[in-house]
Amino acid sequence: MTRFSAWNVFVNGLTGQKGWARQWRDPEPKKKYDVVIVGGGLHGLATAYYLAKNHGIKNVAILEKGWLGGGNAGRNTTIVRSNYARPGNREFYEHSLRLWENLSHELNYNVMFSQRHHVALLHSPAAIDAAARNYNIFRLTGTPDAEIWDLEKLMGTIPHLNYGPNARFPIMGAAVQKRAGTARHDAVAWGYARGADSLGVDIIQNCEVTSVKRNKGKVVSLQTSRGVIEGNKIGFAVAGNTSRLWQMTGLGKLPIETHKLQAFVSEPLKPLLDHVVVFGIGGAHFYISQSDKGGMVFGGDLDWYKSYAQRGNLPIVQDVAEAAMSILPCLGRVRLLRHWSGVMDMSMDGSHFICKTPLDNLYLNAGWNYGGFKASPGSGWYFADLIANDRPDPVIENHDLKRFERGVNIDERGAGPDPKLHG
């Protein structure tokens, strides 16, 4: 694998970019691996990378039914933050954010992580009080960049929001995490793929799992579109397709549902918004940032009916467009360039699962709701630790399938400062 440096970027610029080698191999699958990760999205790639890097387990295969970045990895709004307050989530997302902060250097690949502030708009005195309570928790538990901005500071920083007296959602201030921001989703996938491949991991694309063979409480093998593959340990990390794969194991139902989440991007504009801005009030829900290409990237609520389709519908388009106009009226004449949909595995309490399963050698990574992209480094770190050591780290010990039986609800809904505010 080519190691990037200022020198070889300069040299290849002078030679027509002809000196670059392949960034990862395209190997034929072996018959057996120490660990098989089903799902070549960001969580699966990160898991394989940390298995090899942190635990020395390099006989690992990633099975991806399509191509890298072709699933939910490329179907999100790329927001990264750690403003969670519940025990378990709090520590998990802060660790993930700290991994993000050094990820480009670690992977020797620019994932374009831009710490441009996460600005959650507040619309009532009660919302300000609730945000202040949560943000005090953040400051007391290792996130010193959490701030509450009054209206004067917010107007001075982002002057073109709708501050008018007749605004549909009057703005009174904002809860701000300064270290939060955005990253480039495909660059993250390619960076983890390069890193994992360089450590010996086999990335098997166009390899769909079609059935799971069990024997005596273990997974014996996976039947795939590229033949039978065995693994001493098997990890599932397939986001919205978790229910489909789980059915192949014969283990019954999971406490998750699959829904669609749409995202949108406008035509390119000159620099307009140097922050991530979100709000959620009165049934509305909206988040927006500007990409490096100039497009306004935004989204809102789920399509609330269950579906595996990677396409959206018009009512959500209208709902999100109305939310955009209510908070940024200057976008009124901007044209929508495209919109798409990812499939979300929604858990019953809004928090994820990284856990062992009833089968001895099967491990589950699922239930990411709105938090999947930002969680990618932390998810890979803790999932790899679980698989390697066959026990959960204390940070994720309650993120298991039996937490509802114990009455442990990690009820945060991907939120942060406001229980209705996803993103």
Protein backbone atom coordinates (compact mmCIF):
# COMPACT_ATOMS: atom_id res chain seq x y z
CA MET A 1 0.00 0.00 0.00
CA THR A 2 1.30 3.46 -0.91
CA ARG A 3 1.92 5.64 2.10
CA PHE A 4 0.80 9.18 1.33
CA SER A 5 3.11 12.11 1.91
CA ALA A 6 3.46 15.64 0.63
CA TRP A 7 6.36 14.45 -1.53
CA ASN A 8 4.59 11.64 -3.39
CA VAL A 9 1.48 13.78 -3.88
CA PHE A 10 3.72 16.44 -5.46
CA VAL A 11 5.61 13.93 -7.65
CA ASN A 12 2.45 12.24 -8.92
CA GLY A 13 1.00 15.64 -9.71
CA LEU A 14 3.90 16.16 -12.09
CA THR A 15 3.60 12.71 -13.72
CA GLY A 16 -0.09 12.62 -14.55
CA GLN A 17 -1.10 10.73 -11.38
CA LYS A 18 0.24 7.49 -12.90
CA GLY A 19 2.39 6.34 -10.01
CA TRP A 20 -0.26 5.26 -7.55
CA ALA A 21 -0.70 1.60 -6.61
CA ARG A 22 -4.00 -0.08 -5.69
CA GLN A 23 -5.18 1.06 -2.29
CA TRP A 24 -6.41 -2.36 -1.18
CA ARG A 25 -6.37 -5.89 -2.58
CA ASP A 26 -9.27 -7.78 -4.15
CA PRO A 27 -8.53 -11.28 -2.83
CA GLU A 28 -10.37 -14.53 -3.38
CA PRO A 29 -12.07 -15.70 -0.17
CA LYS A 30 -10.34 -18.38 1.86
CA LYS A 31 -12.30 -21.33 3.20
CA LYS A 32 -11.82 -20.36 6.84
CA TYR A 33 -10.90 -17.32 8.93
CA ASP A 34 -10.35 -16.61 12.60
CA VAL A 35 -13.02 -13.87 12.39
CA VAL A 36 -15.58 -13.12 9.70
CA ILE A 37 -17.29 -9.71 9.77
CA VAL A 38 -20.50 -9.60 7.74
CA GLY A 39 -20.96 -6.05 6.47
CA GLY A 40 -18.36 -3.89 4.75
CA GLY A 41 -19.72 -0.55 5.91
CA LEU A 42 -17.92 1.82 8.24
CA HIS A 43 -18.59 -0.26 11.36
CA GLY A 44 -17.45 -3.51 9.77
CA LEU A 45 -14.32 -1.93 8.29
CA ALA A 46 -13.44 -0.22 11.58
CA THR A 47 -13.97 -3.47 13.49
CA ALA A 48 -11.62 -5.39 11.22
CA TYR A 49 -9.02 -2.63 11.40
CA TYR A 50 -9.02 -2.55 15.22
CA LEU A 51 -9.04 -6.35 15.45
CA ALA A 52 -5.78 -6.37 13.53
CA LYS A 53 -4.24 -3.23 15.02
CA ASN A 54 -5.27 -3.49 18.69
CA HIS A 55 -5.52 -7.27 19.13
CA GLY A 56 -3.20 -8.77 16.52
CA ILE A 57 -6.00 -10.81 14.91
CA LYS A 58 -5.21 -10.51 11.21
CA ASN A 59 -6.80 -13.63 9.68
CA VAL A 60 -10.02 -11.66 9.23
CA ALA A 61 -12.50 -11.39 6.36
CA ILE A 62 -15.02 -8.64 5.68
CA LEU A 63 -17.95 -9.85 3.57
CA GLU A 64 -19.71 -7.06 1.69
CA LYS A 65 -22.68 -7.88 -0.53
CA GLY A 66 -22.05 -4.88 -2.79
CA TRP A 67 -19.15 -2.45 -2.93
CA LEU A 68 -17.45 -0.48 -0.18
CA GLY A 69 -19.45 2.62 0.63
CA GLY A 70 -22.50 1.46 -1.31
CA GLY A 71 -24.81 1.00 1.67
CA ASN A 72 -25.57 3.31 4.58
CA ALA A 73 -21.92 4.42 4.62
CA GLY A 74 -22.71 6.63 1.64
CA ARG A 75 -26.27 7.50 2.64
CA ASN A 76 -26.02 9.87 5.58
CA THR A 77 -25.38 13.50 6.47
CA THR A 78 -21.89 12.87 7.96
CA ILE A 79 -22.40 14.65 11.30
CA VAL A 80 -19.95 13.82 14.09
CA ARG A 81 -20.57 14.79 17.73
CA SER A 82 -20.53 13.41 21.27
CA ASN A 83 -23.18 15.45 23.11
CA TYR A 84 -24.86 12.46 24.77
CA ALA A 85 -25.72 12.39 28.48
CA ARG A 86 -26.79 8.85 29.39
CA PRO A 87 -24.28 6.51 31.08
CA GLY A 88 -22.74 4.25 28.47
CA ASN A 89 -23.63 6.56 25.59
CA ARG A 90 -21.75 9.42 27.22
CA GLU A 91 -18.44 7.58 27.42
CA PHE A 92 -18.91 5.75 24.13
CA TYR A 93 -19.47 8.77 21.91
CA GLU A 94 -16.77 10.85 23.60
CA HIS A 95 -14.26 8.05 22.95
CA SER A 96 -15.46 7.87 19.35
CA LEU A 97 -15.02 11.62 18.88
CA ARG A 98 -11.47 11.45 20.24
CA LEU A 99 -10.70 8.72 17.71
CA TRP A 100 -12.13 10.96 14.97
CA GLU A 101 -9.79 13.77 15.99
CA ASN A 102 -6.71 11.71 15.09
CA LEU A 103 -8.19 9.44 12.44
CA SER A 104 -6.63 11.04 9.35
CA HIS A 105 -3.15 10.79 10.87
CA GLU A 106 -3.68 7.23 12.10
CA LEU A 107 -4.98 5.94 8.77
CA ASN A 108 -2.61 8.09 6.67
CA TYR A 109 -5.70 9.14 4.73
CA ASN A 110 -7.56 12.44 4.82
CA VAL A 111 -11.07 11.66 6.08
CA MET A 112 -11.84 15.40 5.86
CA PHE A 113 -12.94 15.68 9.49
CA SER A 114 -13.89 19.34 10.00
CA GLN A 115 -14.60 20.48 13.58
CA ARG A 116 -17.00 23.26 12.75
CA HIS A 117 -19.32 23.26 15.83
CA HIS A 118 -22.65 21.49 16.36
CA VAL A 119 -25.22 24.22 17.06
CA ALA A 120 -28.54 22.98 18.49
CA LEU A 121 -31.07 25.80 18.40
CA LEU A 122 -33.20 26.39 21.51
CA HIS A 123 -36.69 27.85 21.33
CA SER A 124 -37.97 28.18 24.90
CA PRO A 125 -36.74 28.81 28.46
CA ALA A 126 -37.49 25.16 29.26
CA ALA A 127 -35.31 24.01 26.35
CA ILE A 128 -32.47 26.24 27.56
CA ASP A 129 -32.75 24.79 31.08
CA ALA A 130 -32.77 21.20 29.78
CA ALA A 131 -29.77 21.85 27.52
CA ALA A 132 -27.87 23.56 30.36
CA ARG A 133 -28.43 20.53 32.59
CA ASN A 134 -27.13 18.11 29.97
CA TYR A 135 -24.24 20.32 28.94
CA ASN A 136 -23.17 20.66 32.57
CA ILE A 137 -23.04 16.85 32.62
CA PHE A 138 -20.79 16.96 29.57
CA ARG A 139 -18.41 19.48 31.16
CA LEU A 140 -18.23 17.42 34.37
CA THR A 141 -17.48 14.20 32.49
CA GLY A 142 -14.73 15.17 30.09
CA THR A 143 -16.23 17.38 27.36
CA PRO A 144 -15.03 20.91 28.17
CA ASP A 145 -16.13 22.36 24.83
CA ALA A 146 -19.86 22.28 25.65
CA GLU A 147 -21.38 25.77 25.74
CA ILE A 148 -24.73 27.53 25.90
CA TRP A 149 -24.89 30.56 23.61
CA ASP A 150 -27.31 33.39 24.25
CA LEU A 151 -29.17 35.02 21.40
CA GLU A 152 -26.66 37.85 21.01
CA LYS A 153 -23.71 35.52 20.51
CA LEU A 154 -25.68 33.25 18.19
CA MET A 155 -26.78 36.18 16.00
CA GLY A 156 -23.22 37.44 15.81
CA THR A 157 -21.93 34.01 14.76
CA ILE A 158 -24.68 32.84 12.37
CA PRO A 159 -26.48 36.03 11.31
CA HIS A 160 -28.64 34.61 8.54
CA LEU A 161 -30.90 32.35 10.61
CA ASN A 162 -34.54 33.35 10.96
CA TYR A 163 -34.50 35.59 14.03
CA GLY A 164 -37.55 37.60 13.01
CA PRO A 165 -40.35 38.34 15.51
CA ASN A 166 -42.81 36.42 13.35
CA ALA A 167 -40.59 33.35 12.87
CA ARG A 168 -42.43 30.06 13.01
CA PHE A 169 -39.90 28.79 15.58
CA PRO A 170 -38.52 31.81 17.49
CA ILE A 171 -34.87 31.28 18.47
CA MET A 172 -33.73 32.05 22.03
CA GLY A 173 -30.20 30.60 22.03
CA ALA A 174 -28.24 27.46 21.24
CA ALA A 175 -26.44 24.51 22.81
CA VAL A 176 -23.05 24.19 21.15
CA GLN A 177 -20.37 21.51 21.00
CA LYS A 178 -17.33 23.15 19.41
CA ARG A 179 -15.32 19.96 18.70
CA ALA A 180 -18.17 18.43 16.69
CA GLY A 181 -18.44 18.72 12.93
CA THR A 182 -18.54 16.67 9.75
CA ALA A 183 -16.38 14.20 7.83
CA ARG A 184 -16.35 12.72 4.32
CA HIS A 185 -18.18 9.37 4.38
CA ASP A 186 -16.46 7.69 1.43
CA ALA A 187 -13.04 8.88 2.58
CA VAL A 188 -13.66 7.22 5.95
CA ALA A 189 -14.59 3.95 4.23
CA TRP A 190 -11.53 4.05 1.98
CA GLY A 191 -9.23 5.00 4.85
CA TYR A 192 -10.36 2.10 7.03
CA ALA A 193 -10.24 -0.25 4.04
CA ARG A 194 -6.64 0.74 3.29
CA GLY A 195 -5.67 0.41 6.93
CA ALA A 196 -7.32 -2.99 7.41
CA ASP A 197 -5.93 -4.36 4.14
CA SER A 198 -2.40 -3.24 5.02
CA LEU A 199 -2.66 -5.31 8.22
CA GLY A 200 -3.68 -8.45 6.32
CA VAL A 201 -7.48 -8.30 6.42
CA ASP A 202 -9.28 -9.73 3.36
CA ILE A 203 -12.00 -7.42 2.02
CA ILE A 204 -14.39 -9.56 -0.05
CA GLN A 205 -16.76 -7.42 -2.11
CA ASN A 206 -19.81 -8.68 -4.04
CA CYS A 207 -20.12 -11.47 -1.48
CA GLU A 208 -23.67 -11.72 -0.13
CA VAL A 209 -24.51 -14.07 2.74
CA THR A 210 -27.46 -16.21 1.68
CA SER A 211 -27.75 -18.62 4.64
CA VAL A 212 -26.26 -19.40 8.04
CA LYS A 213 -25.45 -22.96 9.13
CA ARG A 214 -25.67 -23.74 12.86
CA ASN A 215 -24.60 -26.75 14.91
CA LYS A 216 -24.57 -27.23 18.70
CA GLY A 217 -25.12 -23.61 19.59
CA LYS A 218 -22.55 -22.18 17.19
CA VAL A 219 -22.38 -20.81 13.67
CA VAL A 220 -20.53 -23.41 11.62
CA SER A 221 -20.37 -21.63 8.26
CA LEU A 222 -21.85 -18.95 6.04
CA GLN A 223 -23.18 -19.76 2.60
CA THR A 224 -22.38 -16.83 0.34
CA SER A 225 -22.65 -15.88 -3.30
CA ARG A 226 -18.93 -16.71 -3.52
CA GLY A 227 -19.06 -20.08 -1.79
CA VAL A 228 -19.03 -21.43 1.77
CA ILE A 229 -16.90 -19.49 4.28
CA GLU A 230 -16.17 -20.66 7.81
CA GLY A 231 -15.12 -18.57 10.77
CA ASN A 232 -14.17 -19.30 14.35
CA LYS A 233 -16.01 -16.11 15.30
CA ILE A 234 -18.70 -14.29 13.32
CA GLY A 235 -19.69 -10.63 13.67
CA PHE A 236 -22.82 -9.07 12.16
CA ALA A 237 -22.58 -5.35 11.30
CA VAL A 238 -25.16 -4.79 8.55
CA ALA A 239 -27.25 -1.83 9.81
CA GLY A 240 -30.77 -1.83 8.35
CA ASN A 241 -30.41 -5.39 7.04
CA THR A 242 -29.81 -6.83 10.52
CA SER A 243 -33.31 -8.33 10.73
CA ARG A 244 -32.87 -10.19 7.44
CA LEU A 245 -29.54 -11.67 8.47
CA TRP A 246 -30.80 -12.47 11.97
CA GLN A 247 -33.67 -14.52 10.53
CA MET A 248 -31.11 -16.79 8.88
CA THR A 249 -29.77 -17.74 12.32
CA GLY A 250 -33.16 -19.00 13.51
CA LEU A 251 -32.90 -17.02 16.75
CA GLY A 252 -36.33 -15.39 16.61
CA LYS A 253 -37.03 -11.67 16.59
CA LEU A 254 -34.78 -8.76 17.50
CA PRO A 255 -36.01 -5.63 19.36
CA ILE A 256 -35.41 -3.47 16.28
CA GLU A 257 -37.37 -2.15 13.31
CA THR A 258 -36.03 -1.06 9.92
CA HIS A 259 -37.05 2.40 8.72
CA LYS A 260 -35.89 4.75 5.99
CA LEU A 261 -34.07 8.00 6.69
CA GLN A 262 -33.86 10.46 3.82
CA ALA A 263 -31.12 12.99 3.20
CA PHE A 264 -30.84 15.84 0.70
CA VAL A 265 -28.23 18.02 -0.98
CA SER A 266 -28.72 21.28 -2.84
CA GLU A 267 -26.88 22.76 -5.78
CA PRO A 268 -23.45 24.19 -4.84
CA LEU A 269 -23.40 27.63 -3.20
CA LYS A 270 -20.72 30.06 -2.14
CA PRO A 271 -19.73 29.66 1.55
CA LEU A 272 -22.88 30.23 3.61
CA LEU A 273 -22.86 28.04 6.70
CA ASP A 274 -19.67 27.12 8.55
CA HIS A 275 -21.46 25.11 11.26
CA VAL A 276 -23.80 22.17 11.72
CA VAL A 277 -27.18 23.64 12.69
CA VAL A 278 -29.99 21.49 14.09
CA PHE A 279 -33.35 22.00 15.73
CA GLY A 280 -36.33 19.97 16.84
CA ILE A 281 -39.52 21.49 18.20
CA GLY A 282 -43.25 21.14 17.76
CA GLY A 283 -42.98 17.98 15.69
CA ALA A 284 -40.40 19.49 13.33
CA HIS A 285 -36.89 18.08 13.09
CA PHE A 286 -34.09 19.40 10.91
CA TYR A 287 -30.31 19.46 10.56
CA ILE A 288 -28.10 21.14 7.96
CA SER A 289 -24.46 21.81 7.09
CA GLN A 290 -22.54 22.84 3.98
CA SER A 291 -20.25 20.36 2.24
CA ASP A 292 -16.79 21.15 0.93
CA LYS A 293 -18.29 21.11 -2.57
CA GLY A 294 -20.72 23.87 -1.57
CA GLY A 295 -23.93 21.83 -1.44
CA MET A 296 -26.25 22.31 1.53
CA VAL A 297 -26.59 18.84 3.10
CA PHE A 298 -29.69 18.41 5.24
CA GLY A 299 -32.25 15.98 6.59
CA GLY A 300 -35.05 15.52 9.06
CA ASP A 301 -37.25 12.81 10.45
CA LEU A 302 -37.70 9.19 9.47
CA ASP A 303 -40.22 7.78 7.07
CA TRP A 304 -42.14 6.22 9.94
CA TYR A 305 -43.37 3.14 8.11
CA LYS A 306 -41.07 0.10 8.05
CA SER A 307 -39.20 -0.56 4.79
CA TYR A 308 -35.95 -1.90 3.32
CA ALA A 309 -36.15 0.41 0.28
CA GLN A 310 -33.27 2.83 -0.30
CA ARG A 311 -35.53 5.52 -1.71
CA GLY A 312 -37.69 8.14 -0.11
CA ASN A 313 -41.16 9.60 -0.56
CA LEU A 314 -42.59 13.06 -1.13
CA PRO A 315 -44.23 13.82 2.26
CA ILE A 316 -40.82 13.79 3.96
CA VAL A 317 -39.37 15.92 1.15
CA GLN A 318 -42.07 18.50 1.84
CA ASP A 319 -41.63 18.28 5.61
CA VAL A 320 -37.85 18.79 5.45
CA ALA A 321 -38.14 21.61 2.90
CA GLU A 322 -40.61 23.42 5.16
CA ALA A 323 -38.25 23.04 8.11
CA ALA A 324 -35.37 24.43 6.02
CA MET A 325 -37.42 27.45 5.02
CA SER A 326 -38.55 28.09 8.58
CA ILE A 327 -34.99 28.38 9.87
CA LEU A 328 -33.04 29.55 6.77
CA PRO A 329 -35.41 31.51 4.51
CA CYS A 330 -32.45 32.53 2.33
CA LEU A 331 -32.56 29.01 0.83
CA GLY A 332 -35.98 29.63 -0.73
CA ARG A 333 -34.73 29.84 -4.34
CA VAL A 334 -32.02 27.20 -4.02
CA ARG A 335 -32.59 24.09 -6.13
CA LEU A 336 -32.53 20.57 -4.73
CA LEU A 337 -29.86 18.55 -6.50
CA ARG A 338 -30.65 15.03 -5.25
CA HIS A 339 -32.04 13.08 -2.33
CA TRP A 340 -31.61 9.51 -1.16
CA SER A 341 -32.49 7.17 1.67
CA GLY A 342 -30.61 4.88 4.02
CA VAL A 343 -32.16 1.98 5.93
CA MET A 344 -31.96 2.42 9.69
CA ASP A 345 -32.12 -0.34 12.31
CA MET A 346 -34.13 1.42 15.01
CA SER A 347 -33.97 -0.04 18.52
CA MET A 348 -36.78 0.31 21.03
CA ASP A 349 -34.96 2.81 23.25
CA GLY A 350 -32.94 4.59 20.59
CA SER A 351 -29.55 3.16 21.59
CA HIS A 352 -27.35 0.56 19.96
CA PHE A 353 -26.35 -3.06 20.59
CA ILE A 354 -22.74 -4.25 20.71
CA CYS A 355 -23.02 -7.62 22.35
CA LYS A 356 -22.76 -11.38 22.36
CA THR A 357 -25.75 -13.40 21.17
CA PRO A 358 -27.33 -16.73 22.21
CA LEU A 359 -24.91 -18.46 19.81
CA ASP A 360 -21.45 -18.93 21.33
CA ASN A 361 -19.43 -17.52 18.46
CA LEU A 362 -21.86 -14.93 17.05
CA TYR A 363 -21.55 -11.22 17.92
CA LEU A 364 -23.96 -8.40 17.07
CA ASN A 365 -23.44 -4.75 16.15
CA ALA A 366 -26.82 -3.14 15.43
CA GLY A 367 -29.55 -0.69 16.44
CA TRP A 368 -27.78 2.52 15.43
CA ASN A 369 -30.82 4.68 14.80
CA TYR A 370 -29.50 8.17 13.93
CA GLY A 371 -26.05 7.64 15.45
CA GLY A 372 -24.32 5.26 13.04
CA PHE A 373 -21.89 7.52 11.17
CA LYS A 374 -20.55 9.43 14.16
CA ALA A 375 -20.13 6.16 16.06
CA SER A 376 -18.01 4.41 13.42
CA PRO A 377 -14.58 4.58 15.12
CA GLY A 378 -15.96 3.86 18.61
CA SER A 379 -18.19 1.08 17.31
CA GLY A 380 -15.25 -0.62 15.59
CA TRP A 381 -13.05 -0.17 18.67
CA TYR A 382 -15.51 -1.71 21.15
CA PHE A 383 -16.85 -4.39 18.79
CA ALA A 384 -13.30 -5.56 18.06
CA ASP A 385 -12.57 -5.61 21.80
CA LEU A 386 -15.70 -7.70 22.43
CA ILE A 387 -14.87 -10.23 19.69
CA ALA A 388 -11.21 -10.52 20.68
CA ASN A 389 -11.77 -10.88 24.43
CA ASP A 390 -15.22 -12.51 24.43
CA ARG A 391 -16.53 -10.06 27.03
CA PRO A 392 -17.89 -6.50 26.82
CA ASP A 393 -15.91 -3.49 27.89
CA PRO A 394 -17.60 -1.78 30.90
CA VAL A 395 -18.61 1.11 28.62
CA ILE A 396 -20.86 -1.17 26.52
CA GLU A 397 -21.90 -3.76 29.10
CA ASN A 398 -25.51 -2.50 29.11
CA HIS A 399 -25.72 -2.27 25.31
CA ASP A 400 -26.88 -5.87 25.03
CA LEU A 401 -30.03 -7.67 23.92
CA LYS A 402 -31.16 -8.43 27.48
CA ARG A 403 -31.15 -4.87 28.82
CA PHE A 404 -34.90 -4.58 28.40
CA GLU A 405 -35.39 -7.70 30.53
CA ARG A 406 -33.32 -6.00 33.25
CA GLY A 407 -35.30 -2.78 32.92
CA VAL A 408 -32.30 -0.85 31.60
CA ASN A 409 -33.48 1.59 28.94
CA ILE A 410 -30.72 3.79 27.50
CA ASP A 411 -33.40 6.16 26.31
CA GLU A 412 -31.59 8.84 24.31
CA ARG A 413 -32.91 8.38 20.77
CA GLY A 414 -29.69 9.59 19.17
CA ALA A 415 -30.46 12.90 20.78
CA GLY A 416 -28.17 15.02 22.88
CA PRO A 417 -29.60 18.20 24.37
CA ASP A 418 -33.28 17.59 23.63
CA PRO A 419 -35.08 14.18 23.65
CA LYS A 420 -36.83 15.20 20.43
CA LEU A 421 -33.65 16.35 18.72
CA HIS A 422 -32.02 13.64 16.65
CA GLY A 423 -29.30 14.18 14.07
